[in-house]
Amino acid sequence: MWTTALLTFFAGVFAANATPHFVKGITKEPFPTPFGHTPLINLVAGWGMYVIAALLLAGADVAVRPWPAAVSGAIGVLVMGVFHAHVGAFGRRPPAEAAPLA
């Protein structure tokens, strides 16, 4: 059970982190990655993270333990979402960028 929970947690983390990179890539907007900020790099990075998430799910025995898999995967998505919403990629954003739209 712990293997399933751990693998699906990280699958959720990778899938949630892949989403902003993939979206920025297909909308041709720059977004920071360790490899650069260009849309093409983001598209490839997002796609790669989706592939990693799928591979983690494939090895997680989700069919045998659906509830632990669903709960830990959802927690992984939440953890990465809170990270991006609070800290953001590569540290806090400047106050002008962090201000809500009026």
PDB file of N, CA and C in Angstrom:
ATOM      1  N   MET A   1       0.822  -1.199   0.000  1.00  0.00           N
ATOM      2  CA  MET A   1       0.000   0.000   0.000  1.00  0.00           C
ATOM      3  C   MET A   1       0.856   1.249   0.000  1.00  0.00           C
ATOM      4  N   TRP A   2       1.973   1.216   0.737  1.00  0.00           N
ATOM      5  CA  TRP A   2       2.810   2.417   0.798  1.00  0.00           C
ATOM      6  C   TRP A   2       3.456   2.724  -0.539  1.00  0.00           C
ATOM      7  N   THR A   3       3.772   1.703  -1.294  1.00  0.00           N
ATOM      8  CA  THR A   3       4.337   1.926  -2.619  1.00  0.00           C
ATOM      9  C   THR A   3       3.318   2.612  -3.517  1.00  0.00           C
ATOM     10  N   THR A   4       2.086   2.147  -3.470  1.00  0.00           N
ATOM     11  CA  THR A   4       1.024   2.774  -4.259  1.00  0.00           C
ATOM     12  C   THR A   4       0.846   4.226  -3.863  1.00  0.00           C
ATOM     13  N   ALA A   5       0.792   4.487  -2.569  1.00  0.00           N
ATOM     14  CA  ALA A   5       0.601   5.854  -2.088  1.00  0.00           C
ATOM     15  C   ALA A   5       1.759   6.758  -2.499  1.00  0.00           C
ATOM     16  N   LEU A   6       2.964   6.274  -2.372  1.00  0.00           N
ATOM     17  CA  LEU A   6       4.134   7.075  -2.708  1.00  0.00           C
ATOM     18  C   LEU A   6       4.207   7.356  -4.206  1.00  0.00           C
ATOM     19  N   LEU A   7       3.992   6.328  -5.020  1.00  0.00           N
ATOM     20  CA  LEU A   7       4.053   6.523  -6.466  1.00  0.00           C
ATOM     21  C   LEU A   7       2.952   7.454  -6.970  1.00  0.00           C
ATOM     22  N   THR A   8       1.733   7.309  -6.448  1.00  0.00           N
ATOM     23  CA  THR A   8       0.649   8.182  -6.915  1.00  0.00           C
ATOM     24  C   THR A   8       0.799   9.600  -6.375  1.00  0.00           C
ATOM     25  N   PHE A   9       1.382   9.761  -5.182  1.00  0.00           N
ATOM     26  CA  PHE A   9       1.672  11.109  -4.670  1.00  0.00           C
ATOM     27  C   PHE A   9       2.602  11.831  -5.640  1.00  0.00           C
ATOM     28  N   PHE A  10       3.692  11.172  -6.018  1.00  0.00           N
ATOM     29  CA  PHE A  10       4.639  11.813  -6.935  1.00  0.00           C
ATOM     30  C   PHE A  10       4.066  11.956  -8.343  1.00  0.00           C
ATOM     31  N   ALA A  11       3.193  11.053  -8.744  1.00  0.00           N
ATOM     32  CA  ALA A  11       2.509  11.225 -10.030  1.00  0.00           C
ATOM     33  C   ALA A  11       1.655  12.491  -9.998  1.00  0.00           C
ATOM     34  N   GLY A  12       0.967  12.735  -8.893  1.00  0.00           N
ATOM     35  CA  GLY A  12       0.182  13.958  -8.748  1.00  0.00           C
ATOM     36  C   GLY A  12       1.050  15.200  -8.763  1.00  0.00           C
ATOM     37  N   VAL A  13       2.193  15.133  -8.076  1.00  0.00           N
ATOM     38  CA  VAL A  13       3.122  16.265  -8.061  1.00  0.00           C
ATOM     39  C   VAL A  13       3.619  16.566  -9.473  1.00  0.00           C
ATOM     40  N   PHE A  14       4.061  15.532 -10.196  1.00  0.00           N
ATOM     41  CA  PHE A  14       4.574  15.739 -11.552  1.00  0.00           C
ATOM     42  C   PHE A  14       3.486  16.235 -12.501  1.00  0.00           C
ATOM     43  N   ALA A  15       2.292  15.676 -12.409  1.00  0.00           N
ATOM     44  CA  ALA A  15       1.213  16.102 -13.302  1.00  0.00           C
ATOM     45  C   ALA A  15       0.801  17.547 -13.025  1.00  0.00           C
ATOM     46  N   ALA A  16       0.725  17.907 -11.752  1.00  0.00           N
ATOM     47  CA  ALA A  16       0.355  19.291 -11.416  1.00  0.00           C
ATOM     48  C   ALA A  16       1.434  20.267 -11.848  1.00  0.00           C
ATOM     49  N   ASN A  17       2.693  19.880 -11.716  1.00  0.00           N
ATOM     50  CA  ASN A  17       3.782  20.756 -12.129  1.00  0.00           C
ATOM     51  C   ASN A  17       3.884  20.826 -13.650  1.00  0.00           C
ATOM     52  N   ALA A  18       3.483  19.788 -14.336  1.00  0.00           N
ATOM     53  CA  ALA A  18       3.534  19.778 -15.796  1.00  0.00           C
ATOM     54  C   ALA A  18       2.539  20.751 -16.408  1.00  0.00           C
ATOM     55  N   THR A  19       1.414  20.926 -15.761  1.00  0.00           N
ATOM     56  CA  THR A  19       0.324  21.710 -16.340  1.00  0.00           C
ATOM     57  C   THR A  19       0.707  23.150 -16.679  1.00  0.00           C
ATOM     58  N   PRO A  20       1.268  23.953 -15.752  1.00  0.00           N
ATOM     59  CA  PRO A  20       1.598  25.329 -16.151  1.00  0.00           C
ATOM     60  C   PRO A  20       2.665  25.384 -17.236  1.00  0.00           C
ATOM     61  N   HIS A  21       3.619  24.464 -17.202  1.00  0.00           N
ATOM     62  CA  HIS A  21       4.660  24.466 -18.230  1.00  0.00           C
ATOM     63  C   HIS A  21       4.075  24.125 -19.594  1.00  0.00           C
ATOM     64  N   PHE A  22       3.235  23.113 -19.646  1.00  0.00           N
ATOM     65  CA  PHE A  22       2.632  22.715 -20.917  1.00  0.00           C
ATOM     66  C   PHE A  22       1.726  23.818 -21.462  1.00  0.00           C
ATOM     67  N   VAL A  23       0.916  24.407 -20.590  1.00  0.00           N
ATOM     68  CA  VAL A  23      -0.001  25.473 -21.024  1.00  0.00           C
ATOM     69  C   VAL A  23       0.772  26.687 -21.518  1.00  0.00           C
ATOM     70  N   LYS A  24       1.800  27.089 -20.795  1.00  0.00           N
ATOM     71  CA  LYS A  24       2.608  28.230 -21.251  1.00  0.00           C
ATOM     72  C   LYS A  24       3.279  27.901 -22.577  1.00  0.00           C
ATOM     73  N   GLY A  25       3.702  26.668 -22.748  1.00  0.00           N
ATOM     74  CA  GLY A  25       4.328  26.283 -24.008  1.00  0.00           C
ATOM     75  C   GLY A  25       3.380  26.368 -25.191  1.00  0.00           C
ATOM     76  N   ILE A  26       2.160  25.844 -25.031  1.00  0.00           N
ATOM     77  CA  ILE A  26       1.237  25.856 -26.173  1.00  0.00           C
ATOM     78  C   ILE A  26       0.621  27.231 -26.420  1.00  0.00           C
ATOM     79  N   THR A  27       0.707  28.128 -25.431  1.00  0.00           N
ATOM     80  CA  THR A  27       0.205  29.490 -25.636  1.00  0.00           C
ATOM     81  C   THR A  27       1.328  30.460 -25.986  1.00  0.00           C
ATOM     82  N   LYS A  28       2.538  29.910 -26.192  1.00  0.00           N
ATOM     83  CA  LYS A  28       3.706  30.681 -26.621  1.00  0.00           C
ATOM     84  C   LYS A  28       4.077  31.790 -25.650  1.00  0.00           C
ATOM     85  N   GLU A  29       3.980  31.501 -24.351  1.00  0.00           N
ATOM     86  CA  GLU A  29       4.370  32.460 -23.323  1.00  0.00           C
ATOM     87  C   GLU A  29       5.589  31.934 -22.578  1.00  0.00           C
ATOM     88  N   PRO A  30       6.521  32.819 -22.216  1.00  0.00           N
ATOM     89  CA  PRO A  30       7.681  32.360 -21.447  1.00  0.00           C
ATOM     90  C   PRO A  30       7.289  32.005 -20.011  1.00  0.00           C
ATOM     91  N   PHE A  31       7.997  31.057 -19.438  1.00  0.00           N
ATOM     92  CA  PHE A  31       7.763  30.621 -18.059  1.00  0.00           C
ATOM     93  C   PHE A  31       9.060  29.985 -17.585  1.00  0.00           C
ATOM     94  N   PRO A  32       9.488  30.246 -16.349  1.00  0.00           N
ATOM     95  CA  PRO A  32      10.807  29.756 -15.936  1.00  0.00           C
ATOM     96  C   PRO A  32      10.877  28.241 -15.750  1.00  0.00           C
ATOM     97  N   THR A  33      11.945  27.661 -16.268  1.00  0.00           N
ATOM     98  CA  THR A  33      12.324  26.277 -16.006  1.00  0.00           C
ATOM     99  C   THR A  33      13.825  26.278 -15.751  1.00  0.00           C
ATOM    100  N   PRO A  34      14.368  25.221 -15.207  1.00  0.00           N
ATOM    101  CA  PRO A  34      15.820  25.172 -15.042  1.00  0.00           C
ATOM    102  C   PRO A  34      16.574  25.174 -16.373  1.00  0.00           C
ATOM    103  N   PHE A  35      15.885  24.884 -17.462  1.00  0.00           N
ATOM    104  CA  PHE A  35      16.522  24.769 -18.770  1.00  0.00           C
ATOM    105  C   PHE A  35      16.324  25.994 -19.652  1.00  0.00           C
ATOM    106  N   GLY A  36      15.569  26.986 -19.201  1.00  0.00           N
ATOM    107  CA  GLY A  36      15.300  28.185 -19.983  1.00  0.00           C
ATOM    108  C   GLY A  36      13.850  28.601 -19.843  1.00  0.00           C
ATOM    109  N   HIS A  37      13.513  29.695 -20.508  1.00  0.00           N
ATOM    110  CA  HIS A  37      12.173  30.263 -20.346  1.00  0.00           C
ATOM    111  C   HIS A  37      11.337  30.231 -21.625  1.00  0.00           C
ATOM    112  N   THR A  38      11.824  29.636 -22.679  1.00  0.00           N
ATOM    113  CA  THR A  38      11.128  29.711 -23.963  1.00  0.00           C
ATOM    114  C   THR A  38       9.897  28.793 -23.990  1.00  0.00           C
ATOM    115  N   PRO A  39       8.935  29.132 -24.823  1.00  0.00           N
ATOM    116  CA  PRO A  39       7.743  28.286 -24.940  1.00  0.00           C
ATOM    117  C   PRO A  39       8.048  26.844 -25.342  1.00  0.00           C
ATOM    118  N   LEU A  40       8.989  26.642 -26.267  1.00  0.00           N
ATOM    119  CA  LEU A  40       9.301  25.274 -26.700  1.00  0.00           C
ATOM    120  C   LEU A  40       9.886  24.452 -25.554  1.00  0.00           C
ATOM    121  N   ILE A  41      10.766  25.054 -24.788  1.00  0.00           N
ATOM    122  CA  ILE A  41      11.338  24.344 -23.635  1.00  0.00           C
ATOM    123  C   ILE A  41      10.236  23.995 -22.637  1.00  0.00           C
ATOM    124  N   ASN A  42       9.313  24.912 -22.407  1.00  0.00           N
ATOM    125  CA  ASN A  42       8.214  24.645 -21.490  1.00  0.00           C
ATOM    126  C   ASN A  42       7.299  23.550 -21.997  1.00  0.00           C
ATOM    127  N   LEU A  43       7.020  23.563 -23.285  1.00  0.00           N
ATOM    128  CA  LEU A  43       6.176  22.514 -23.866  1.00  0.00           C
ATOM    129  C   LEU A  43       6.817  21.142 -23.665  1.00  0.00           C
ATOM    130  N   VAL A  44       8.095  21.033 -23.974  1.00  0.00           N
ATOM    131  CA  VAL A  44       8.793  19.752 -23.836  1.00  0.00           C
ATOM    132  C   VAL A  44       8.901  19.356 -22.362  1.00  0.00           C
ATOM    133  N   ALA A  45       9.188  20.315 -21.478  1.00  0.00           N
ATOM    134  CA  ALA A  45       9.284  20.015 -20.043  1.00  0.00           C
ATOM    135  C   ALA A  45       7.932  19.543 -19.505  1.00  0.00           C
ATOM    136  N   GLY A  46       6.857  20.216 -19.875  1.00  0.00           N
ATOM    137  CA  GLY A  46       5.523  19.808 -19.437  1.00  0.00           C
ATOM    138  C   GLY A  46       5.165  18.427 -19.947  1.00  0.00           C
ATOM    139  N   TRP A  47       5.429  18.188 -21.226  1.00  0.00           N
ATOM    140  CA  TRP A  47       5.160  16.870 -21.797  1.00  0.00           C
ATOM    141  C   TRP A  47       5.958  15.798 -21.069  1.00  0.00           C
ATOM    142  N   GLY A  48       7.234  16.058 -20.807  1.00  0.00           N
ATOM    143  CA  GLY A  48       8.076  15.092 -20.102  1.00  0.00           C
ATOM    144  C   GLY A  48       7.552  14.782 -18.710  1.00  0.00           C
ATOM    145  N   MET A  49       7.094  15.801 -18.016  1.00  0.00           N
ATOM    146  CA  MET A  49       6.546  15.571 -16.674  1.00  0.00           C
ATOM    147  C   MET A  49       5.241  14.772 -16.731  1.00  0.00           C
ATOM    148  N   TYR A  50       4.431  15.003 -17.751  1.00  0.00           N
ATOM    149  CA  TYR A  50       3.225  14.176 -17.925  1.00  0.00           C
ATOM    150  C   TYR A  50       3.600  12.711 -18.172  1.00  0.00           C
ATOM    151  N   VAL A  51       4.649  12.484 -18.957  1.00  0.00           N
ATOM    152  CA  VAL A  51       5.106  11.114 -19.219  1.00  0.00           C
ATOM    153  C   VAL A  51       5.595  10.462 -17.924  1.00  0.00           C
ATOM    154  N   ILE A  52       6.363  11.203 -17.126  1.00  0.00           N
ATOM    155  CA  ILE A  52       6.832  10.673 -15.844  1.00  0.00           C
ATOM    156  C   ILE A  52       5.652  10.336 -14.944  1.00  0.00           C
ATOM    157  N   ALA A  53       4.660  11.220 -14.885  1.00  0.00           N
ATOM    158  CA  ALA A  53       3.470  10.960 -14.065  1.00  0.00           C
ATOM    159  C   ALA A  53       2.753   9.700 -14.538  1.00  0.00           C
ATOM    160  N   ALA A  54       2.643   9.522 -15.843  1.00  0.00           N
ATOM    161  CA  ALA A  54       1.980   8.327 -16.380  1.00  0.00           C
ATOM    162  C   ALA A  54       2.768   7.064 -16.036  1.00  0.00           C
ATOM    163  N   LEU A  55       4.081   7.134 -16.112  1.00  0.00           N
ATOM    164  CA  LEU A  55       4.901   5.970 -15.765  1.00  0.00           C
ATOM    165  C   LEU A  55       4.787   5.637 -14.279  1.00  0.00           C
ATOM    166  N   LEU A  56       4.748   6.646 -13.437  1.00  0.00           N
ATOM    167  CA  LEU A  56       4.561   6.415 -12.006  1.00  0.00           C
ATOM    168  C   LEU A  56       3.205   5.764 -11.737  1.00  0.00           C
ATOM    169  N   LEU A  57       2.174   6.237 -12.415  1.00  0.00           N
ATOM    170  CA  LEU A  57       0.847   5.639 -12.248  1.00  0.00           C
ATOM    171  C   LEU A  57       0.816   4.196 -12.740  1.00  0.00           C
ATOM    172  N   ALA A  58       1.522   3.934 -13.818  1.00  0.00           N
ATOM    173  CA  ALA A  58       1.542   2.572 -14.365  1.00  0.00           C
ATOM    174  C   ALA A  58       2.152   1.579 -13.390  1.00  0.00           C
ATOM    175  N   GLY A  59       3.087   2.020 -12.588  1.00  0.00           N
ATOM    176  CA  GLY A  59       3.716   1.124 -11.634  1.00  0.00           C
ATOM    177  C   GLY A  59       3.111   1.142 -10.247  1.00  0.00           C
ATOM    178  N   ALA A  60       1.994   1.831 -10.081  1.00  0.00           N
ATOM    179  CA  ALA A  60       1.456   2.076  -8.739  1.00  0.00           C
ATOM    180  C   ALA A  60       0.379   1.097  -8.282  1.00  0.00           C
ATOM    181  N   ASP A  61      -0.022   0.137  -9.062  1.00  0.00           N
ATOM    182  CA  ASP A  61      -1.103  -0.785  -8.685  1.00  0.00           C
ATOM    183  C   ASP A  61      -2.394  -0.054  -8.299  1.00  0.00           C
ATOM    184  N   VAL A  62      -2.750   0.919  -9.115  1.00  0.00           N
ATOM    185  CA  VAL A  62      -3.933   1.736  -8.827  1.00  0.00           C
ATOM    186  C   VAL A  62      -5.201   0.885  -8.815  1.00  0.00           C
ATOM    187  N   ALA A  63      -5.296  -0.093  -9.689  1.00  0.00           N
ATOM    188  CA  ALA A  63      -6.499  -0.932  -9.752  1.00  0.00           C
ATOM    189  C   ALA A  63      -6.670  -1.770  -8.491  1.00  0.00           C
ATOM    190  N   VAL A  64      -5.566  -2.152  -7.869  1.00  0.00           N
ATOM    191  CA  VAL A  64      -5.636  -2.985  -6.673  1.00  0.00           C
ATOM    192  C   VAL A  64      -5.969  -2.146  -5.436  1.00  0.00           C
ATOM    193  N   ARG A  65      -5.467  -0.925  -5.390  1.00  0.00           N
ATOM    194  CA  ARG A  65      -5.675  -0.038  -4.233  1.00  0.00           C
ATOM    195  C   ARG A  65      -6.169   1.332  -4.706  1.00  0.00           C
ATOM    196  N   PRO A  66      -7.406   1.424  -5.187  1.00  0.00           N
ATOM    197  CA  PRO A  66      -7.868   2.678  -5.780  1.00  0.00           C
ATOM    198  C   PRO A  66      -7.986   3.837  -4.790  1.00  0.00           C
ATOM    199  N   TRP A  67      -8.452   3.578  -3.577  1.00  0.00           N
ATOM    200  CA  TRP A  67      -8.640   4.687  -2.632  1.00  0.00           C
ATOM    201  C   TRP A  67      -7.328   5.287  -2.151  1.00  0.00           C
ATOM    202  N   PRO A  68      -6.368   4.492  -1.695  1.00  0.00           N
ATOM    203  CA  PRO A  68      -5.084   5.107  -1.332  1.00  0.00           C
ATOM    204  C   PRO A  68      -4.437   5.841  -2.505  1.00  0.00           C
ATOM    205  N   ALA A  69      -4.596   5.279  -3.701  1.00  0.00           N
ATOM    206  CA  ALA A  69      -4.025   5.923  -4.886  1.00  0.00           C
ATOM    207  C   ALA A  69      -4.694   7.269  -5.152  1.00  0.00           C
ATOM    208  N   ALA A  70      -6.004   7.301  -5.090  1.00  0.00           N
ATOM    209  CA  ALA A  70      -6.728   8.545  -5.354  1.00  0.00           C
ATOM    210  C   ALA A  70      -6.412   9.616  -4.308  1.00  0.00           C
ATOM    211  N   VAL A  71      -6.394   9.219  -3.055  1.00  0.00           N
ATOM    212  CA  VAL A  71      -6.145  10.187  -1.975  1.00  0.00           C
ATOM    213  C   VAL A  71      -4.724  10.726  -2.052  1.00  0.00           C
ATOM    214  N   SER A  72      -3.743   9.853  -2.193  1.00  0.00           N
ATOM    215  CA  SER A  72      -2.366  10.336  -2.222  1.00  0.00           C
ATOM    216  C   SER A  72      -2.058  11.106  -3.504  1.00  0.00           C
ATOM    217  N   GLY A  73      -2.659  10.726  -4.621  1.00  0.00           N
ATOM    218  CA  GLY A  73      -2.492  11.491  -5.853  1.00  0.00           C
ATOM    219  C   GLY A  73      -3.088  12.879  -5.727  1.00  0.00           C
ATOM    220  N   ALA A  74      -4.261  12.968  -5.109  1.00  0.00           N
ATOM    221  CA  ALA A  74      -4.899  14.272  -4.904  1.00  0.00           C
ATOM    222  C   ALA A  74      -4.073  15.149  -3.965  1.00  0.00           C
ATOM    223  N   ILE A  75      -3.479  14.541  -2.955  1.00  0.00           N
ATOM    224  CA  ILE A  75      -2.621  15.303  -2.038  1.00  0.00           C
ATOM    225  C   ILE A  75      -1.378  15.805  -2.784  1.00  0.00           C
ATOM    226  N   GLY A  76      -0.817  14.994  -3.661  1.00  0.00           N
ATOM    227  CA  GLY A  76       0.329  15.431  -4.463  1.00  0.00           C
ATOM    228  C   GLY A  76      -0.015  16.622  -5.344  1.00  0.00           C
ATOM    229  N   VAL A  77      -1.182  16.593  -5.967  1.00  0.00           N
ATOM    230  CA  VAL A  77      -1.632  17.720  -6.790  1.00  0.00           C
ATOM    231  C   VAL A  77      -1.811  18.959  -5.915  1.00  0.00           C
ATOM    232  N   LEU A  78      -2.421  18.789  -4.742  1.00  0.00           N
ATOM    233  CA  LEU A  78      -2.633  19.911  -3.838  1.00  0.00           C
ATOM    234  C   LEU A  78      -1.315  20.515  -3.366  1.00  0.00           C
ATOM    235  N   VAL A  79      -0.364  19.668  -2.998  1.00  0.00           N
ATOM    236  CA  VAL A  79       0.939  20.158  -2.538  1.00  0.00           C
ATOM    237  C   VAL A  79       1.614  21.008  -3.621  1.00  0.00           C
ATOM    238  N   MET A  80       1.635  20.523  -4.847  1.00  0.00           N
ATOM    239  CA  MET A  80       2.265  21.290  -5.918  1.00  0.00           C
ATOM    240  C   MET A  80       1.469  22.547  -6.241  1.00  0.00           C
ATOM    241  N   GLY A  81       0.150  22.473  -6.178  1.00  0.00           N
ATOM    242  CA  GLY A  81      -0.669  23.662  -6.408  1.00  0.00           C
ATOM    243  C   GLY A  81      -0.427  24.736  -5.367  1.00  0.00           C
ATOM    244  N   VAL A  82      -0.347  24.340  -4.106  1.00  0.00           N
ATOM    245  CA  VAL A  82      -0.067  25.306  -3.032  1.00  0.00           C
ATOM    246  C   VAL A  82       1.325  25.897  -3.216  1.00  0.00           C
ATOM    247  N   PHE A  83       2.285  25.063  -3.588  1.00  0.00           N
ATOM    248  CA  PHE A  83       3.639  25.564  -3.835  1.00  0.00           C
ATOM    249  C   PHE A  83       3.632  26.642  -4.915  1.00  0.00           C
ATOM    250  N   HIS A  84       2.999  26.367  -6.048  1.00  0.00           N
ATOM    251  CA  HIS A  84       2.971  27.347  -7.136  1.00  0.00           C
ATOM    252  C   HIS A  84       2.171  28.593  -6.753  1.00  0.00           C
ATOM    253  N   ALA A  85       1.102  28.421  -6.004  1.00  0.00           N
ATOM    254  CA  ALA A  85       0.286  29.574  -5.625  1.00  0.00           C
ATOM    255  C   ALA A  85       0.962  30.437  -4.559  1.00  0.00           C
ATOM    256  N   HIS A  86       1.729  29.803  -3.685  1.00  0.00           N
ATOM    257  CA  HIS A  86       2.333  30.538  -2.575  1.00  0.00           C
ATOM    258  C   HIS A  86       3.750  31.013  -2.897  1.00  0.00           C
ATOM    259  N   VAL A  87       4.635  30.097  -3.208  1.00  0.00           N
ATOM    260  CA  VAL A  87       6.037  30.428  -3.444  1.00  0.00           C
ATOM    261  C   VAL A  87       6.271  30.776  -4.914  1.00  0.00           C
ATOM    262  N   GLY A  88       5.696  30.002  -5.793  1.00  0.00           N
ATOM    263  CA  GLY A  88       5.890  30.209  -7.220  1.00  0.00           C
ATOM    264  C   GLY A  88       7.171  29.566  -7.702  1.00  0.00           C
ATOM    265  N   ALA A  89       7.324  29.540  -8.983  1.00  0.00           N
ATOM    266  CA  ALA A  89       8.512  28.939  -9.578  1.00  0.00           C
ATOM    267  C   ALA A  89       9.738  29.786  -9.259  1.00  0.00           C
ATOM    268  N   PHE A  90      10.747  29.174  -8.718  1.00  0.00           N
ATOM    269  CA  PHE A  90      12.030  29.810  -8.411  1.00  0.00           C
ATOM    270  C   PHE A  90      11.907  30.963  -7.424  1.00  0.00           C
ATOM    271  N   GLY A  91      11.060  30.837  -6.426  1.00  0.00           N
ATOM    272  CA  GLY A  91      10.963  31.838  -5.364  1.00  0.00           C
ATOM    273  C   GLY A  91       9.779  32.757  -5.516  1.00  0.00           C
ATOM    274  N   ARG A  92       9.664  33.633  -4.561  1.00  0.00           N
ATOM    275  CA  ARG A  92       8.525  34.558  -4.546  1.00  0.00           C
ATOM    276  C   ARG A  92       8.575  35.532  -5.714  1.00  0.00           C
ATOM    277  N   ARG A  93       7.407  35.860  -6.220  1.00  0.00           N
ATOM    278  CA  ARG A  93       7.301  36.851  -7.277  1.00  0.00           C
ATOM    279  C   ARG A  93       7.369  38.243  -6.651  1.00  0.00           C
ATOM    280  N   PRO A  94       7.810  39.226  -7.416  1.00  0.00           N
ATOM    281  CA  PRO A  94       7.795  40.599  -6.888  1.00  0.00           C
ATOM    282  C   PRO A  94       6.376  41.019  -6.535  1.00  0.00           C
ATOM    283  N   PRO A  95       6.226  41.913  -5.531  1.00  0.00           N
ATOM    284  CA  PRO A  95       4.881  42.319  -5.103  1.00  0.00           C
ATOM    285  C   PRO A  95       3.978  42.835  -6.228  1.00  0.00           C
ATOM    286  N   ALA A  96       4.530  43.537  -7.212  1.00  0.00           N
ATOM    287  CA  ALA A  96       3.699  44.058  -8.304  1.00  0.00           C
ATOM    288  C   ALA A  96       3.074  42.925  -9.101  1.00  0.00           C
ATOM    289  N   GLU A  97       3.799  41.831  -9.292  1.00  0.00           N
ATOM    290  CA  GLU A  97       3.262  40.701 -10.047  1.00  0.00           C
ATOM    291  C   GLU A  97       2.316  39.858  -9.197  1.00  0.00           C
ATOM    292  N   ALA A  98       2.520  39.875  -7.886  1.00  0.00           N
ATOM    293  CA  ALA A  98       1.722  39.035  -7.001  1.00  0.00           C
ATOM    294  C   ALA A  98       0.388  39.675  -6.645  1.00  0.00           C
ATOM    295  N   ALA A  99       0.223  40.979  -6.933  1.00  0.00           N
ATOM    296  CA  ALA A  99      -1.003  41.677  -6.567  1.00  0.00           C
ATOM    297  C   ALA A  99      -2.187  41.120  -7.355  1.00  0.00           C
ATOM    298  N   PRO A 100      -3.341  40.942  -6.699  1.00  0.00           N
ATOM    299  CA  PRO A 100      -4.530  40.443  -7.415  1.00  0.00           C
ATOM    300  C   PRO A 100      -5.047  41.473  -8.409  1.00  0.00           C
ATOM    301  N   LEU A 101      -5.678  40.982  -9.458  1.00  0.00           N
ATOM    302  CA  LEU A 101      -6.279  41.866 -10.446  1.00  0.00           C
ATOM    303  C   LEU A 101      -7.529  42.505  -9.882  1.00  0.00           C
ATOM    304  N   ALA A 102      -7.712  43.770 -10.160  1.00  0.00           N
ATOM    305  CA  ALA A 102      -8.876  44.493  -9.631  1.00  0.00           C
ATOM    306  C   ALA A 102     -10.042  44.408 -10.565  1.00  0.00           C
TER     307      ALA A 102
END
